[in-house]
Amino acid sequence: TSTLQQTASSKLGFTPKKTMMVAQ
C-alpha cells in the first residue's frame, strides 16, 4: 500500500486518497 501510494504520487500525480479509490 505505502509504496503504491508513493509511486502513484510521484509518477501519476495521484493523491493517496485517489490511489486507494482507483485501486479499490
mmCIF file of all heavy atoms, coordinates in Angstrom:
data_MODEL
# 
_entry.id   MODEL 
# 
loop_
_atom_site.group_PDB 
_atom_site.id 
_atom_site.type_symbol 
_atom_site.label_atom_id 
_atom_site.label_alt_id 
_atom_site.label_comp_id 
_atom_site.label_asym_id 
_atom_site.label_entity_id 
_atom_site.label_seq_id 
_atom_site.pdbx_PDB_ins_code 
_atom_site.Cartn_x 
_atom_site.Cartn_y 
_atom_site.Cartn_z 
_atom_site.occupancy 
_atom_site.B_iso_or_equiv 
_atom_site.pdbx_formal_charge 
_atom_site.auth_seq_id 
_atom_site.auth_comp_id 
_atom_site.auth_asym_id 
_atom_site.auth_atom_id 
_atom_site.pdbx_PDB_model_num 
ATOM 1   N N   . THR A 1 1  ? 0.813   -1.222 0.000   1.00 0.00 ? 1  THR A N   1 
ATOM 2   C CA  . THR A 1 1  ? 0.000   0.000  0.000   1.00 0.00 ? 1  THR A CA  1 
ATOM 3   C C   . THR A 1 1  ? 0.844   1.269  0.000   1.00 0.00 ? 1  THR A C   1 
ATOM 4   O O   . THR A 1 1  ? 0.632   2.171  -0.810  1.00 0.00 ? 1  THR A O   1 
ATOM 5   C CB  . THR A 1 1  ? -0.938  0.013  1.218   1.00 0.00 ? 1  THR A CB  1 
ATOM 6   O OG1 . THR A 1 1  ? -1.734  -1.166 1.208   1.00 0.00 ? 1  THR A OG1 1 
ATOM 7   C CG2 . THR A 1 1  ? -1.851  1.239  1.192   1.00 0.00 ? 1  THR A CG2 1 
ATOM 8   N N   . SER A 1 2  ? 1.813   1.341  0.909   1.00 0.00 ? 2  SER A N   1 
ATOM 9   C CA  . SER A 1 2  ? 2.588   2.575  1.049   1.00 0.00 ? 2  SER A CA  1 
ATOM 10  C C   . SER A 1 2  ? 3.387   2.881  -0.212  1.00 0.00 ? 2  SER A C   1 
ATOM 11  O O   . SER A 1 2  ? 3.407   4.027  -0.682  1.00 0.00 ? 2  SER A O   1 
ATOM 12  C CB  . SER A 1 2  ? 3.520   2.475  2.253   1.00 0.00 ? 2  SER A CB  1 
ATOM 13  O OG  . SER A 1 2  ? 4.394   1.368  2.116   1.00 0.00 ? 2  SER A OG  1 
ATOM 14  N N   . THR A 1 3  ? 4.053   1.856  -0.775  1.00 0.00 ? 3  THR A N   1 
ATOM 15  C CA  . THR A 1 3  ? 4.882   2.116  -1.959  1.00 0.00 ? 3  THR A CA  1 
ATOM 16  C C   . THR A 1 3  ? 4.030   2.401  -3.189  1.00 0.00 ? 3  THR A C   1 
ATOM 17  O O   . THR A 1 3  ? 4.438   3.168  -4.058  1.00 0.00 ? 3  THR A O   1 
ATOM 18  C CB  . THR A 1 3  ? 5.830   0.930  -2.228  1.00 0.00 ? 3  THR A CB  1 
ATOM 19  O OG1 . THR A 1 3  ? 5.076   -0.297 -2.272  1.00 0.00 ? 3  THR A OG1 1 
ATOM 20  C CG2 . THR A 1 3  ? 6.888   0.832  -1.149  1.00 0.00 ? 3  THR A CG2 1 
ATOM 21  N N   . LEU A 1 4  ? 2.841   1.813  -3.247  1.00 0.00 ? 4  LEU A N   1 
ATOM 22  C CA  . LEU A 1 4  ? 1.934   2.137  -4.360  1.00 0.00 ? 4  LEU A CA  1 
ATOM 23  C C   . LEU A 1 4  ? 1.495   3.593  -4.267  1.00 0.00 ? 4  LEU A C   1 
ATOM 24  O O   . LEU A 1 4  ? 1.481   4.316  -5.271  1.00 0.00 ? 4  LEU A O   1 
ATOM 25  C CB  . LEU A 1 4  ? 0.715   1.216  -4.341  1.00 0.00 ? 4  LEU A CB  1 
ATOM 26  C CG  . LEU A 1 4  ? -0.322  1.486  -5.438  1.00 0.00 ? 4  LEU A CG  1 
ATOM 27  C CD1 . LEU A 1 4  ? 0.269   1.233  -6.829  1.00 0.00 ? 4  LEU A CD1 1 
ATOM 28  C CD2 . LEU A 1 4  ? -1.572  0.631  -5.240  1.00 0.00 ? 4  LEU A CD2 1 
ATOM 29  N N   . GLN A 1 5  ? 1.148   4.051  -3.067  1.00 0.00 ? 5  GLN A N   1 
ATOM 30  C CA  . GLN A 1 5  ? 0.731   5.441  -2.887  1.00 0.00 ? 5  GLN A CA  1 
ATOM 31  C C   . GLN A 1 5  ? 1.870   6.400  -3.225  1.00 0.00 ? 5  GLN A C   1 
ATOM 32  O O   . GLN A 1 5  ? 1.656   7.426  -3.871  1.00 0.00 ? 5  GLN A O   1 
ATOM 33  C CB  . GLN A 1 5  ? 0.253   5.662  -1.455  1.00 0.00 ? 5  GLN A CB  1 
ATOM 34  C CG  . GLN A 1 5  ? -1.060  4.960  -1.136  1.00 0.00 ? 5  GLN A CG  1 
ATOM 35  C CD  . GLN A 1 5  ? -1.470  5.115  0.315   1.00 0.00 ? 5  GLN A CD  1 
ATOM 36  O OE1 . GLN A 1 5  ? -0.688  5.561  1.147   1.00 0.00 ? 5  GLN A OE1 1 
ATOM 37  N NE2 . GLN A 1 5  ? -2.684  4.724  0.634   1.00 0.00 ? 5  GLN A NE2 1 
ATOM 38  N N   . GLN A 1 6  ? 3.088   6.050  -2.802  1.00 0.00 ? 6  GLN A N   1 
ATOM 39  C CA  . GLN A 1 6  ? 4.236   6.920  -3.072  1.00 0.00 ? 6  GLN A CA  1 
ATOM 40  C C   . GLN A 1 6  ? 4.542   6.990  -4.562  1.00 0.00 ? 6  GLN A C   1 
ATOM 41  O O   . GLN A 1 6  ? 4.767   8.073  -5.116  1.00 0.00 ? 6  GLN A O   1 
ATOM 42  C CB  . GLN A 1 6  ? 5.461   6.392  -2.317  1.00 0.00 ? 6  GLN A CB  1 
ATOM 43  C CG  . GLN A 1 6  ? 5.370   6.524  -0.804  1.00 0.00 ? 6  GLN A CG  1 
ATOM 44  C CD  . GLN A 1 6  ? 6.388   5.662  -0.093  1.00 0.00 ? 6  GLN A CD  1 
ATOM 45  O OE1 . GLN A 1 6  ? 7.532   5.559  -0.512  1.00 0.00 ? 6  GLN A OE1 1 
ATOM 46  N NE2 . GLN A 1 6  ? 5.976   5.011  0.989   1.00 0.00 ? 6  GLN A NE2 1 
ATOM 47  N N   . THR A 1 7  ? 4.554   5.845  -5.231  1.00 0.00 ? 7  THR A N   1 
ATOM 48  C CA  . THR A 1 7  ? 4.886   5.811  -6.656  1.00 0.00 ? 7  THR A CA  1 
ATOM 49  C C   . THR A 1 7  ? 3.794   6.463  -7.493  1.00 0.00 ? 7  THR A C   1 
ATOM 50  O O   . THR A 1 7  ? 4.080   7.187  -8.452  1.00 0.00 ? 7  THR A O   1 
ATOM 51  C CB  . THR A 1 7  ? 5.118   4.360  -7.122  1.00 0.00 ? 7  THR A CB  1 
ATOM 52  O OG1 . THR A 1 7  ? 6.077   3.742  -6.267  1.00 0.00 ? 7  THR A OG1 1 
ATOM 53  C CG2 . THR A 1 7  ? 5.632   4.313  -8.547  1.00 0.00 ? 7  THR A CG2 1 
ATOM 54  N N   . ALA A 1 8  ? 2.533   6.225  -7.134  1.00 0.00 ? 8  ALA A N   1 
ATOM 55  C CA  . ALA A 1 8  ? 1.430   6.851  -7.865  1.00 0.00 ? 8  ALA A CA  1 
ATOM 56  C C   . ALA A 1 8  ? 1.453   8.367  -7.692  1.00 0.00 ? 8  ALA A C   1 
ATOM 57  O O   . ALA A 1 8  ? 1.076   9.108  -8.599  1.00 0.00 ? 8  ALA A O   1 
ATOM 58  C CB  . ALA A 1 8  ? 0.094   6.286  -7.394  1.00 0.00 ? 8  ALA A CB  1 
ATOM 59  N N   . SER A 1 9  ? 1.916   8.821  -6.538  1.00 0.00 ? 9  SER A N   1 
ATOM 60  C CA  . SER A 1 9  ? 2.026   10.263 -6.306  1.00 0.00 ? 9  SER A CA  1 
ATOM 61  C C   . SER A 1 9  ? 3.129   10.870 -7.172  1.00 0.00 ? 9  SER A C   1 
ATOM 62  O O   . SER A 1 9  ? 2.922   11.892 -7.829  1.00 0.00 ? 9  SER A O   1 
ATOM 63  C CB  . SER A 1 9  ? 2.308   10.530 -4.829  1.00 0.00 ? 9  SER A CB  1 
ATOM 64  O OG  . SER A 1 9  ? 2.542   11.903 -4.597  1.00 0.00 ? 9  SER A OG  1 
ATOM 65  N N   . SER A 1 10 ? 4.302   10.228 -7.179  1.00 0.00 ? 10 SER A N   1 
ATOM 66  C CA  . SER A 1 10 ? 5.442   10.801 -7.898  1.00 0.00 ? 10 SER A CA  1 
ATOM 67  C C   . SER A 1 10 ? 5.323   10.634 -9.412  1.00 0.00 ? 10 SER A C   1 
ATOM 68  O O   . SER A 1 10 ? 5.712   11.518 -10.168 1.00 0.00 ? 10 SER A O   1 
ATOM 69  C CB  . SER A 1 10 ? 6.742   10.162 -7.401  1.00 0.00 ? 10 SER A CB  1 
ATOM 70  O OG  . SER A 1 10 ? 6.717   8.763  -7.592  1.00 0.00 ? 10 SER A OG  1 
ATOM 71  N N   . LYS A 1 11 ? 4.765   9.508  -9.873  1.00 0.00 ? 11 LYS A N   1 
ATOM 72  C CA  . LYS A 1 11 ? 4.724   9.246  -11.315 1.00 0.00 ? 11 LYS A CA  1 
ATOM 73  C C   . LYS A 1 11 ? 3.412   9.670  -11.975 1.00 0.00 ? 11 LYS A C   1 
ATOM 74  O O   . LYS A 1 11 ? 3.389   10.062 -13.132 1.00 0.00 ? 11 LYS A O   1 
ATOM 75  C CB  . LYS A 1 11 ? 4.973   7.759  -11.584 1.00 0.00 ? 11 LYS A CB  1 
ATOM 76  C CG  . LYS A 1 11 ? 6.401   7.324  -11.307 1.00 0.00 ? 11 LYS A CG  1 
ATOM 77  C CD  . LYS A 1 11 ? 6.701   5.977  -11.937 1.00 0.00 ? 11 LYS A CD  1 
ATOM 78  C CE  . LYS A 1 11 ? 8.181   5.644  -11.822 1.00 0.00 ? 11 LYS A CE  1 
ATOM 79  N NZ  . LYS A 1 11 ? 8.527   4.383  -12.504 1.00 0.00 ? 11 LYS A NZ  1 
ATOM 80  N N   . LEU A 1 12 ? 2.306   9.564  -11.233 1.00 0.00 ? 12 LEU A N   1 
ATOM 81  C CA  . LEU A 1 12 ? 0.999   9.862  -11.830 1.00 0.00 ? 12 LEU A CA  1 
ATOM 82  C C   . LEU A 1 12 ? 0.368   11.137 -11.273 1.00 0.00 ? 12 LEU A C   1 
ATOM 83  O O   . LEU A 1 12 ? -0.627  11.608 -11.818 1.00 0.00 ? 12 LEU A O   1 
ATOM 84  C CB  . LEU A 1 12 ? 0.039   8.685  -11.598 1.00 0.00 ? 12 LEU A CB  1 
ATOM 85  C CG  . LEU A 1 12 ? 0.503   7.309  -12.078 1.00 0.00 ? 12 LEU A CG  1 
ATOM 86  C CD1 . LEU A 1 12 ? -0.552  6.253  -11.738 1.00 0.00 ? 12 LEU A CD1 1 
ATOM 87  C CD2 . LEU A 1 12 ? 0.782   7.323  -13.576 1.00 0.00 ? 12 LEU A CD2 1 
ATOM 88  N N   . GLY A 1 13 ? 0.928   11.654 -10.177 1.00 0.00 ? 13 GLY A N   1 
ATOM 89  C CA  . GLY A 1 13 ? 0.333   12.848 -9.572  1.00 0.00 ? 13 GLY A CA  1 
ATOM 90  C C   . GLY A 1 13 ? -0.934  12.553 -8.798  1.00 0.00 ? 13 GLY A C   1 
ATOM 91  O O   . GLY A 1 13 ? -1.709  13.455 -8.488  1.00 0.00 ? 13 GLY A O   1 
ATOM 92  N N   . PHE A 1 14 ? -1.179  11.274 -8.433  1.00 0.00 ? 14 PHE A N   1 
ATOM 93  C CA  . PHE A 1 14 ? -2.377  10.894 -7.683  1.00 0.00 ? 14 PHE A CA  1 
ATOM 94  C C   . PHE A 1 14 ? -2.175  11.205 -6.200  1.00 0.00 ? 14 PHE A C   1 
ATOM 95  O O   . PHE A 1 14 ? -1.092  10.978 -5.657  1.00 0.00 ? 14 PHE A O   1 
ATOM 96  C CB  . PHE A 1 14 ? -2.651  9.395  -7.813  1.00 0.00 ? 14 PHE A CB  1 
ATOM 97  C CG  . PHE A 1 14 ? -3.209  8.967  -9.151  1.00 0.00 ? 14 PHE A CG  1 
ATOM 98  C CD1 . PHE A 1 14 ? -3.294  9.855  -10.215 1.00 0.00 ? 14 PHE A CD1 1 
ATOM 99  C CD2 . PHE A 1 14 ? -3.648  7.664  -9.350  1.00 0.00 ? 14 PHE A CD2 1 
ATOM 100 C CE1 . PHE A 1 14 ? -3.796  9.452  -11.442 1.00 0.00 ? 14 PHE A CE1 1 
ATOM 101 C CE2 . PHE A 1 14 ? -4.157  7.249  -10.566 1.00 0.00 ? 14 PHE A CE2 1 
ATOM 102 C CZ  . PHE A 1 14 ? -4.229  8.146  -11.619 1.00 0.00 ? 14 PHE A CZ  1 
ATOM 103 N N   . THR A 1 15 ? -3.215  11.686 -5.541  1.00 0.00 ? 15 THR A N   1 
ATOM 104 C CA  . THR A 1 15 ? -3.177  11.777 -4.078  1.00 0.00 ? 15 THR A CA  1 
ATOM 105 C C   . THR A 1 15 ? -3.336  10.366 -3.518  1.00 0.00 ? 15 THR A C   1 
ATOM 106 O O   . THR A 1 15 ? -3.869  9.475  -4.190  1.00 0.00 ? 15 THR A O   1 
ATOM 107 C CB  . THR A 1 15 ? -4.319  12.653 -3.542  1.00 0.00 ? 15 THR A CB  1 
ATOM 108 O OG1 . THR A 1 15 ? -5.568  12.025 -3.875  1.00 0.00 ? 15 THR A OG1 1 
ATOM 109 C CG2 . THR A 1 15 ? -4.274  14.047 -4.134  1.00 0.00 ? 15 THR A CG2 1 
ATOM 110 N N   . PRO A 1 16 ? -2.889  10.125 -2.275  1.00 0.00 ? 16 PRO A N   1 
ATOM 111 C CA  . PRO A 1 16 ? -3.095  8.796  -1.683  1.00 0.00 ? 16 PRO A CA  1 
ATOM 112 C C   . PRO A 1 16 ? -4.560  8.381  -1.686  1.00 0.00 ? 16 PRO A C   1 
ATOM 113 O O   . PRO A 1 16 ? -4.877  7.218  -1.932  1.00 0.00 ? 16 PRO A O   1 
ATOM 114 C CB  . PRO A 1 16 ? -2.556  8.967  -0.260  1.00 0.00 ? 16 PRO A CB  1 
ATOM 115 C CG  . PRO A 1 16 ? -1.519  10.036 -0.382  1.00 0.00 ? 16 PRO A CG  1 
ATOM 116 C CD  . PRO A 1 16 ? -2.063  10.992 -1.412  1.00 0.00 ? 16 PRO A CD  1 
ATOM 117 N N   . LYS A 1 17 ? -5.442  9.338  -1.421  1.00 0.00 ? 17 LYS A N   1 
ATOM 118 C CA  . LYS A 1 17 ? -6.871  9.022  -1.403  1.00 0.00 ? 17 LYS A CA  1 
ATOM 119 C C   . LYS A 1 17 ? -7.344  8.565  -2.779  1.00 0.00 ? 17 LYS A C   1 
ATOM 120 O O   . LYS A 1 17 ? -8.072  7.576  -2.904  1.00 0.00 ? 17 LYS A O   1 
ATOM 121 C CB  . LYS A 1 17 ? -7.666  10.260 -0.954  1.00 0.00 ? 17 LYS A CB  1 
ATOM 122 C CG  . LYS A 1 17 ? -9.162  10.021 -0.837  1.00 0.00 ? 17 LYS A CG  1 
ATOM 123 C CD  . LYS A 1 17 ? -9.860  11.282 -0.342  1.00 0.00 ? 17 LYS A CD  1 
ATOM 124 C CE  . LYS A 1 17 ? -11.366 11.050 -0.227  1.00 0.00 ? 17 LYS A CE  1 
ATOM 125 N NZ  . LYS A 1 17 ? -12.064 12.286 0.235   1.00 0.00 ? 17 LYS A NZ  1 
ATOM 126 N N   . LYS A 1 18 ? -6.913  9.255  -3.813  1.00 0.00 ? 18 LYS A N   1 
ATOM 127 C CA  . LYS A 1 18 ? -7.308  8.886  -5.172  1.00 0.00 ? 18 LYS A CA  1 
ATOM 128 C C   . LYS A 1 18 ? -6.730  7.523  -5.544  1.00 0.00 ? 18 LYS A C   1 
ATOM 129 O O   . LYS A 1 18 ? -7.421  6.700  -6.169  1.00 0.00 ? 18 LYS A O   1 
ATOM 130 C CB  . LYS A 1 18 ? -6.835  9.951  -6.168  1.00 0.00 ? 18 LYS A CB  1 
ATOM 131 C CG  . LYS A 1 18 ? -7.211  9.628  -7.616  1.00 0.00 ? 18 LYS A CG  1 
ATOM 132 C CD  . LYS A 1 18 ? -6.822  10.753 -8.557  1.00 0.00 ? 18 LYS A CD  1 
ATOM 133 C CE  . LYS A 1 18 ? -7.206  10.424 -9.997  1.00 0.00 ? 18 LYS A CE  1 
ATOM 134 N NZ  . LYS A 1 18 ? -6.892  11.524 -10.922 1.00 0.00 ? 18 LYS A NZ  1 
ATOM 135 N N   . THR A 1 19 ? -5.480  7.286  -5.175  1.00 0.00 ? 19 THR A N   1 
ATOM 136 C CA  . THR A 1 19 ? -4.851  5.998  -5.472  1.00 0.00 ? 19 THR A CA  1 
ATOM 137 C C   . THR A 1 19 ? -5.671  4.857  -4.894  1.00 0.00 ? 19 THR A C   1 
ATOM 138 O O   . THR A 1 19 ? -5.924  3.847  -5.563  1.00 0.00 ? 19 THR A O   1 
ATOM 139 C CB  . THR A 1 19 ? -3.421  5.951  -4.892  1.00 0.00 ? 19 THR A CB  1 
ATOM 140 O OG1 . THR A 1 19 ? -2.635  6.958  -5.528  1.00 0.00 ? 19 THR A OG1 1 
ATOM 141 C CG2 . THR A 1 19 ? -2.772  4.596  -5.123  1.00 0.00 ? 19 THR A CG2 1 
ATOM 142 N N   . MET A 1 20 ? -6.120  5.015  -3.642  1.00 0.00 ? 20 MET A N   1 
ATOM 143 C CA  . MET A 1 20 ? -6.871  3.939  -2.997  1.00 0.00 ? 20 MET A CA  1 
ATOM 144 C C   . MET A 1 20 ? -8.259  3.774  -3.604  1.00 0.00 ? 20 MET A C   1 
ATOM 145 O O   . MET A 1 20 ? -8.777  2.655  -3.701  1.00 0.00 ? 20 MET A O   1 
ATOM 146 C CB  . MET A 1 20 ? -6.976  4.209  -1.491  1.00 0.00 ? 20 MET A CB  1 
ATOM 147 C CG  . MET A 1 20 ? -5.631  4.216  -0.775  1.00 0.00 ? 20 MET A CG  1 
ATOM 148 S SD  . MET A 1 20 ? -4.597  2.776  -1.161  1.00 0.00 ? 20 MET A SD  1 
ATOM 149 C CE  . MET A 1 20 ? -5.508  1.495  -0.317  1.00 0.00 ? 20 MET A CE  1 
ATOM 150 N N   . MET A 1 21 ? -8.876  4.847  -4.045  1.00 0.00 ? 21 MET A N   1 
ATOM 151 C CA  . MET A 1 21 ? -10.189 4.747  -4.685  1.00 0.00 ? 21 MET A CA  1 
ATOM 152 C C   . MET A 1 21 ? -10.092 3.991  -6.010  1.00 0.00 ? 21 MET A C   1 
ATOM 153 O O   . MET A 1 21 ? -10.916 3.123  -6.308  1.00 0.00 ? 21 MET A O   1 
ATOM 154 C CB  . MET A 1 21 ? -10.773 6.148  -4.918  1.00 0.00 ? 21 MET A CB  1 
ATOM 155 C CG  . MET A 1 21 ? -11.242 6.847  -3.665  1.00 0.00 ? 21 MET A CG  1 
ATOM 156 S SD  . MET A 1 21 ? -11.789 8.547  -3.983  1.00 0.00 ? 21 MET A SD  1 
ATOM 157 C CE  . MET A 1 21 ? -13.173 8.258  -5.089  1.00 0.00 ? 21 MET A CE  1 
ATOM 158 N N   . VAL A 1 22 ? -9.070  4.324  -6.796  1.00 0.00 ? 22 VAL A N   1 
ATOM 159 C CA  . VAL A 1 22 ? -8.897  3.658  -8.083  1.00 0.00 ? 22 VAL A CA  1 
ATOM 160 C C   . VAL A 1 22 ? -8.521  2.194  -7.872  1.00 0.00 ? 22 VAL A C   1 
ATOM 161 O O   . VAL A 1 22 ? -9.045  1.293  -8.540  1.00 0.00 ? 22 VAL A O   1 
ATOM 162 C CB  . VAL A 1 22 ? -7.827  4.378  -8.933  1.00 0.00 ? 22 VAL A CB  1 
ATOM 163 C CG1 . VAL A 1 22 ? -7.575  3.629  -10.237 1.00 0.00 ? 22 VAL A CG1 1 
ATOM 164 C CG2 . VAL A 1 22 ? -8.251  5.816  -9.232  1.00 0.00 ? 22 VAL A CG2 1 
ATOM 165 N N   . ALA A 1 23 ? -7.624  1.942  -6.914  1.00 0.00 ? 23 ALA A N   1 
ATOM 166 C CA  . ALA A 1 23 ? -7.218  0.562  -6.628  1.00 0.00 ? 23 ALA A CA  1 
ATOM 167 C C   . ALA A 1 23 ? -8.398  -0.268 -6.133  1.00 0.00 ? 23 ALA A C   1 
ATOM 168 O O   . ALA A 1 23 ? -8.518  -1.448 -6.468  1.00 0.00 ? 23 ALA A O   1 
ATOM 169 C CB  . ALA A 1 23 ? -6.097  0.556  -5.587  1.00 0.00 ? 23 ALA A CB  1 
ATOM 170 N N   . GLN A 1 24 ? -9.280  0.348  -5.359  1.00 0.00 ? 24 GLN A N   1 
ATOM 171 C CA  . GLN A 1 24 ? -10.463 -0.363 -4.859  1.00 0.00 ? 24 GLN A CA  1 
ATOM 172 C C   . GLN A 1 24 ? -11.331 -0.826 -6.014  1.00 0.00 ? 24 GLN A C   1 
ATOM 173 O O   . GLN A 1 24 ? -11.838 -1.955 -6.017  1.00 0.00 ? 24 GLN A O   1 
ATOM 174 C CB  . GLN A 1 24 ? -11.273 0.559  -3.941  1.00 0.00 ? 24 GLN A CB  1 
ATOM 175 C CG  . GLN A 1 24 ? -12.498 -0.101 -3.339  1.00 0.00 ? 24 GLN A CG  1 
ATOM 176 C CD  . GLN A 1 24 ? -12.393 -0.283 -1.844  1.00 0.00 ? 24 GLN A CD  1 
ATOM 177 O OE1 . GLN A 1 24 ? -11.526 0.278  -1.199  1.00 0.00 ? 24 GLN A OE1 1 
ATOM 178 N NE2 . GLN A 1 24 ? -13.256 -1.093 -1.293  1.00 0.00 ? 24 GLN A NE2 1 
# 
